[in-house]
Amino acid sequence: MKIAIAGASGRMGRMLIEAVLNDPDVTLAGALDRAGSPQLGQDAGALLGKETGVLLTDDIDRVFAAADYLIDFTRPEGTMTHVEAALRHNVKLVIGTTGFDDAQKTRLHTAAEKIGIVFAPNMSVGVNVTLKLLEFAARAFATGYDIEIIEAHHRHKVDAPSGTALMMGEVVAQALGRDLKDCAVYGREGVTGERDPSTIGFSAIRGGDIVGDHTVLFAGIGERIEITHKSSSRVSYAQGALRAVRFLAGRETGLYDMQDVLGLR
């Protein structure tokens, strides 16, 4: 399987390249980076101390022409450009980008009518198992428990709440028969009044080099239940992305997520 990596000089990009290079069943077919990146023209493995023969480039069509799959953990605007290129070249996509608006999500659904796409704000196997635990917990704690979602990430993360936190909120809201758009509360300040028990609260922490911590708190009278997932390395995201690639191998079209990849539906 010939795999190209978008955002190849970034932290996640380097981790994905390393995962591909260490997997004997796949081949690094391209390394795509943003225009103007100082790393353009370098070997894709240079920052890992390896020589791959694949150079970092901003030539989108050249990269897509050489690949069967693209793994993309970049920004929404860049990912949308890559979706159009994937449609031109019939390349399947594994997308871990977060921060999409509704129109961009609709475009992914439309594109999936022609190509196979796995889209998941978090590719970690552990996170996706946690989502199933949250679904069960939310039903059990449907009444009498206040629900808060707390997430922490590194100082360089540009969106909040994280895509994973929002995904957790969606799972909890759906299990409770609610619409997250109507019940989410993003931060509090001043005299807020008593807490509305139908709401789901979000708190975001940014600092240092935190890879990603997520806790869903169910606070009742006399007890608290916390379901937490902590990432100490981006390796879990990279390994999950490769599992998504293998899942797409037998699927020509359709929009899937990691629950599909892991058979957790």
Protein backbone atom coordinates (compact mmCIF):
# COMPACT_ATOMS: atom_id res chain seq x y z
CA MET A 1 0.00 0.00 0.00
CA LYS A 2 1.47 3.31 -1.11
CA ILE A 3 0.89 5.99 1.53
CA ALA A 4 1.54 9.73 1.37
CA ILE A 5 1.70 11.95 4.45
CA ALA A 6 0.38 15.53 4.61
CA GLY A 7 2.00 18.04 6.97
CA ALA A 8 5.08 15.87 6.78
CA SER A 9 7.48 18.20 8.62
CA GLY A 10 5.17 18.72 11.61
CA ARG A 11 5.17 16.78 14.87
CA MET A 12 2.39 14.43 13.82
CA GLY A 13 3.72 14.22 10.27
CA ARG A 14 7.09 12.98 11.48
CA MET A 15 5.42 10.41 13.72
CA LEU A 16 3.34 9.15 10.78
CA ILE A 17 6.40 8.90 8.54
CA GLU A 18 8.23 6.91 11.19
CA ALA A 19 5.25 4.56 11.59
CA VAL A 20 5.08 3.98 7.82
CA LEU A 21 8.83 3.36 7.58
CA ASN A 22 8.65 0.81 10.41
CA ASP A 23 5.76 -1.11 8.85
CA PRO A 24 6.90 -3.72 6.29
CA ASP A 25 3.45 -3.89 4.68
CA VAL A 26 3.30 -0.27 3.50
CA THR A 27 5.44 2.12 1.46
CA LEU A 28 6.05 5.84 1.88
CA ALA A 29 4.96 7.23 -1.50
CA GLY A 30 5.03 10.97 -0.80
CA ALA A 31 5.59 13.66 1.80
CA LEU A 32 3.50 16.78 1.39
CA ASP A 33 4.24 20.04 3.18
CA ARG A 34 2.97 23.60 3.05
CA ALA A 35 4.29 26.09 0.50
CA GLY A 36 7.16 28.07 1.95
CA SER A 37 8.17 25.44 4.49
CA PRO A 38 11.94 25.62 5.11
CA GLN A 39 12.08 21.81 4.97
CA LEU A 40 10.94 21.59 1.32
CA GLY A 41 13.40 19.59 -0.73
CA GLN A 42 14.77 17.67 2.26
CA ASP A 43 14.48 13.92 2.59
CA ALA A 44 11.26 13.04 4.41
CA GLY A 45 13.24 11.04 6.95
CA ALA A 46 15.90 13.68 7.60
CA LEU A 47 14.39 14.85 10.89
CA LEU A 48 14.27 11.20 12.00
CA GLY A 49 17.86 10.53 11.03
CA LYS A 50 16.77 8.27 8.17
CA GLU A 51 17.11 8.36 4.39
CA THR A 52 13.94 7.47 2.50
CA GLY A 53 14.53 8.78 -1.01
CA VAL A 54 11.21 10.67 -0.70
CA LEU A 55 11.58 14.45 -0.67
CA LEU A 56 9.30 16.93 1.07
CA THR A 57 7.32 18.82 -1.56
CA ASP A 58 4.39 21.21 -1.92
CA ASP A 59 3.44 19.74 -5.31
CA ILE A 60 0.03 18.33 -4.40
CA ASP A 61 -0.80 16.64 -7.70
CA ARG A 62 2.62 15.01 -7.89
CA VAL A 63 2.19 13.47 -4.45
CA PHE A 64 -1.34 12.26 -5.12
CA ALA A 65 -0.34 10.75 -8.46
CA ALA A 66 2.14 8.49 -6.66
CA ALA A 67 -0.10 7.39 -3.77
CA ASP A 68 -3.04 5.10 -3.05
CA TYR A 69 -3.75 6.70 0.35
CA LEU A 70 -3.11 10.03 2.05
CA ILE A 71 -2.99 10.42 5.83
CA ASP A 72 -3.86 14.00 6.79
CA PHE A 73 -3.53 15.55 10.26
CA THR A 74 -3.26 19.18 9.15
CA ARG A 75 -5.71 22.12 9.19
CA PRO A 76 -9.26 22.27 7.77
CA GLU A 77 -8.36 24.55 4.85
CA GLY A 78 -5.46 22.35 3.79
CA THR A 79 -7.47 19.18 4.19
CA MET A 80 -10.21 20.54 1.93
CA THR A 81 -7.60 21.17 -0.76
CA HIS A 82 -6.37 17.61 -0.33
CA VAL A 83 -9.93 16.27 -0.64
CA GLU A 84 -10.25 17.88 -4.07
CA ALA A 85 -6.91 16.39 -5.14
CA ALA A 86 -7.95 12.98 -3.84
CA LEU A 87 -11.07 13.13 -5.99
CA ARG A 88 -8.98 14.01 -9.06
CA HIS A 89 -6.57 11.12 -8.48
CA ASN A 90 -8.91 8.57 -6.85
CA VAL A 91 -6.86 8.44 -3.65
CA LYS A 92 -8.40 7.25 -0.38
CA LEU A 93 -8.10 9.47 2.69
CA VAL A 94 -7.46 8.98 6.39
CA ILE A 95 -8.24 12.31 8.07
CA GLY A 96 -7.39 13.19 11.66
CA THR A 97 -7.74 16.95 11.18
CA THR A 98 -9.93 18.80 13.70
CA GLY A 99 -11.79 22.11 13.62
CA PHE A 100 -14.02 21.56 10.56
CA ASP A 101 -17.12 23.72 10.20
CA ASP A 102 -20.47 22.28 9.10
CA ALA A 103 -19.93 23.12 5.42
CA GLN A 104 -16.57 21.35 5.41
CA LYS A 105 -18.06 18.28 7.08
CA THR A 106 -20.77 18.24 4.43
CA ARG A 107 -18.07 18.31 1.75
CA LEU A 108 -16.45 15.24 3.30
CA HIS A 109 -19.78 13.40 3.13
CA THR A 110 -20.14 14.34 -0.54
CA ALA A 111 -16.58 13.32 -1.40
CA ALA A 112 -17.11 9.95 0.29
CA GLU A 113 -19.64 9.09 -2.40
CA LYS A 114 -16.67 8.74 -4.77
CA ILE A 115 -13.71 7.75 -2.57
CA GLY A 116 -13.17 5.91 0.69
CA ILE A 117 -12.56 8.17 3.70
CA VAL A 118 -11.91 7.45 7.37
CA PHE A 119 -12.50 10.66 9.32
CA ALA A 120 -11.90 10.64 13.07
CA PRO A 121 -10.77 13.53 15.29
CA ASN A 122 -8.80 10.94 17.27
CA MET A 123 -7.27 7.79 15.76
CA SER A 124 -6.20 6.29 19.09
CA VAL A 125 -7.57 2.81 19.75
CA GLY A 126 -7.77 3.66 23.45
CA VAL A 127 -9.81 6.82 22.85
CA ASN A 128 -12.28 4.98 20.68
CA VAL A 129 -12.76 2.24 23.25
CA THR A 130 -13.28 5.04 25.79
CA LEU A 131 -16.09 6.39 23.60
CA LYS A 132 -17.93 3.09 23.94
CA LEU A 133 -17.49 3.25 27.73
CA LEU A 134 -18.91 6.79 27.71
CA GLU A 135 -21.93 5.68 25.74
CA PHE A 136 -22.71 3.04 28.36
CA ALA A 137 -21.98 5.37 31.29
CA ALA A 138 -24.13 8.20 29.92
CA ARG A 139 -27.18 5.94 29.75
CA ALA A 140 -26.59 4.70 33.30
CA PHE A 141 -26.10 8.25 34.65
CA ALA A 142 -28.89 9.86 32.64
CA THR A 143 -30.52 11.48 35.67
CA GLY A 144 -29.02 12.95 38.82
CA TYR A 145 -25.52 13.48 37.42
CA ASP A 146 -23.91 16.62 36.02
CA ILE A 147 -21.60 16.05 33.07
CA GLU A 148 -18.38 17.98 32.47
CA ILE A 149 -15.65 17.34 29.88
CA ILE A 150 -12.13 18.55 30.68
CA GLU A 151 -9.35 18.39 28.11
CA ALA A 152 -5.68 19.43 28.14
CA HIS A 153 -3.27 19.88 25.23
CA HIS A 154 0.09 21.41 24.38
CA ARG A 155 0.59 25.15 24.02
CA HIS A 156 0.69 24.97 20.21
CA LYS A 157 -2.84 23.60 19.69
CA VAL A 158 -4.93 26.23 17.90
CA ASP A 159 -8.52 25.00 18.36
CA ALA A 160 -10.62 24.47 21.48
CA PRO A 161 -12.32 22.40 22.66
CA SER A 162 -10.35 19.61 21.04
CA GLY A 163 -11.96 17.48 18.38
CA THR A 164 -11.77 14.53 20.75
CA ALA A 165 -13.56 16.43 23.53
CA LEU A 166 -16.32 17.40 21.11
CA MET A 167 -16.56 13.81 19.91
CA MET A 168 -16.96 12.68 23.52
CA GLY A 169 -19.65 15.30 23.99
CA GLU A 170 -21.48 14.09 20.89
CA VAL A 171 -21.41 10.49 22.12
CA VAL A 172 -22.73 11.45 25.56
CA ALA A 173 -25.41 13.77 24.14
CA GLN A 174 -26.65 11.16 21.67
CA ALA A 175 -26.82 8.51 24.41
CA LEU A 176 -28.98 10.93 26.41
CA GLY A 177 -31.19 11.83 23.45
CA ARG A 178 -29.92 15.40 23.33
CA ASP A 179 -28.37 17.62 20.63
CA LEU A 180 -24.93 18.84 21.69
CA LYS A 181 -25.48 22.14 19.88
CA ASP A 182 -28.34 22.89 22.26
CA CYS A 183 -26.83 21.70 25.54
CA ALA A 184 -23.08 22.45 25.35
CA VAL A 185 -21.60 25.14 27.61
CA TYR A 186 -18.11 26.30 26.63
CA GLY A 187 -16.51 27.93 29.66
CA ARG A 188 -18.01 30.00 32.47
CA GLU A 189 -17.30 33.45 33.87
CA GLY A 190 -18.98 35.84 36.29
CA VAL A 191 -22.34 35.24 37.92
CA THR A 192 -23.59 32.29 35.92
CA GLY A 193 -26.45 31.18 38.15
CA GLU A 194 -27.06 27.58 39.13
CA ARG A 195 -25.96 24.88 36.76
CA ASP A 196 -28.59 23.70 34.29
CA PRO A 197 -28.65 19.90 34.77
CA SER A 198 -29.37 19.33 31.08
CA THR A 199 -26.10 20.92 29.97
CA ILE A 200 -22.74 19.35 29.12
CA GLY A 201 -19.83 21.58 30.16
CA PHE A 202 -16.46 21.88 28.45
CA SER A 203 -13.17 23.16 29.86
CA ALA A 204 -9.93 23.46 27.85
CA ILE A 205 -6.40 23.64 29.27
CA ARG A 206 -3.40 24.62 27.13
CA GLY A 207 0.19 24.35 28.28
CA GLY A 208 3.63 22.84 27.83
CA ASP A 209 3.94 19.69 25.78
CA ILE A 210 0.78 17.84 26.89
CA VAL A 211 -0.02 15.42 24.08
CA GLY A 212 -3.70 15.02 24.99
CA ASP A 213 -5.66 14.34 28.18
CA HIS A 214 -9.45 13.94 28.28
CA THR A 215 -11.72 13.37 31.27
CA VAL A 216 -15.49 13.07 31.33
CA LEU A 217 -16.83 13.73 34.81
CA PHE A 218 -20.22 12.45 35.94
CA ALA A 219 -20.87 14.30 39.22
CA GLY A 220 -23.75 13.06 41.33
CA ILE A 221 -24.77 13.50 44.95
CA GLY A 222 -22.32 11.60 47.12
CA GLU A 223 -20.16 10.28 44.29
CA ARG A 224 -18.18 11.22 41.19
CA ILE A 225 -17.29 8.97 38.28
CA GLU A 226 -14.41 10.01 36.04
CA ILE A 227 -13.56 8.31 32.76
CA THR A 228 -10.13 9.45 31.61
CA HIS A 229 -7.84 8.84 28.67
CA LYS A 230 -4.28 10.19 28.62
CA SER A 231 -1.93 10.16 25.66
CA SER A 232 1.79 10.18 26.44
CA SER A 233 2.86 9.89 22.80
CA ARG A 234 1.49 10.47 19.31
CA VAL A 235 2.47 6.90 18.44
CA SER A 236 -1.06 5.70 19.25
CA TYR A 237 -2.53 8.14 16.71
CA ALA A 238 -0.09 6.99 14.02
CA GLN A 239 -0.77 3.30 14.64
CA GLY A 240 -4.50 3.94 14.55
CA ALA A 241 -4.11 5.77 11.23
CA LEU A 242 -2.38 2.74 9.72
CA ARG A 243 -5.21 0.51 10.93
CA ALA A 244 -7.58 2.90 9.15
CA VAL A 245 -5.57 2.56 5.93
CA ARG A 246 -5.86 -1.23 6.10
CA PHE A 247 -9.60 -0.91 6.74
CA LEU A 248 -10.01 1.19 3.59
CA ALA A 249 -8.14 -1.34 1.46
CA GLY A 250 -11.35 -3.25 0.83
CA ARG A 251 -13.67 -0.26 0.52
CA GLU A 252 -13.87 1.92 -2.57
CA THR A 253 -16.29 4.54 -1.22
CA GLY A 254 -17.94 5.63 2.02
CA LEU A 255 -17.32 7.81 5.07
CA TYR A 256 -16.16 5.87 8.11
CA ASP A 257 -14.74 6.57 11.55
CA MET A 258 -12.58 4.62 14.00
CA GLN A 259 -15.62 2.94 15.51
CA ASP A 260 -16.08 1.31 12.09
CA VAL A 261 -12.37 0.51 11.79
CA LEU A 262 -12.32 -1.22 15.19
CA GLY A 263 -15.67 -2.99 14.76
CA LEU A 264 -17.22 -1.19 17.72
CA ARG A 265 -20.56 -0.32 16.11
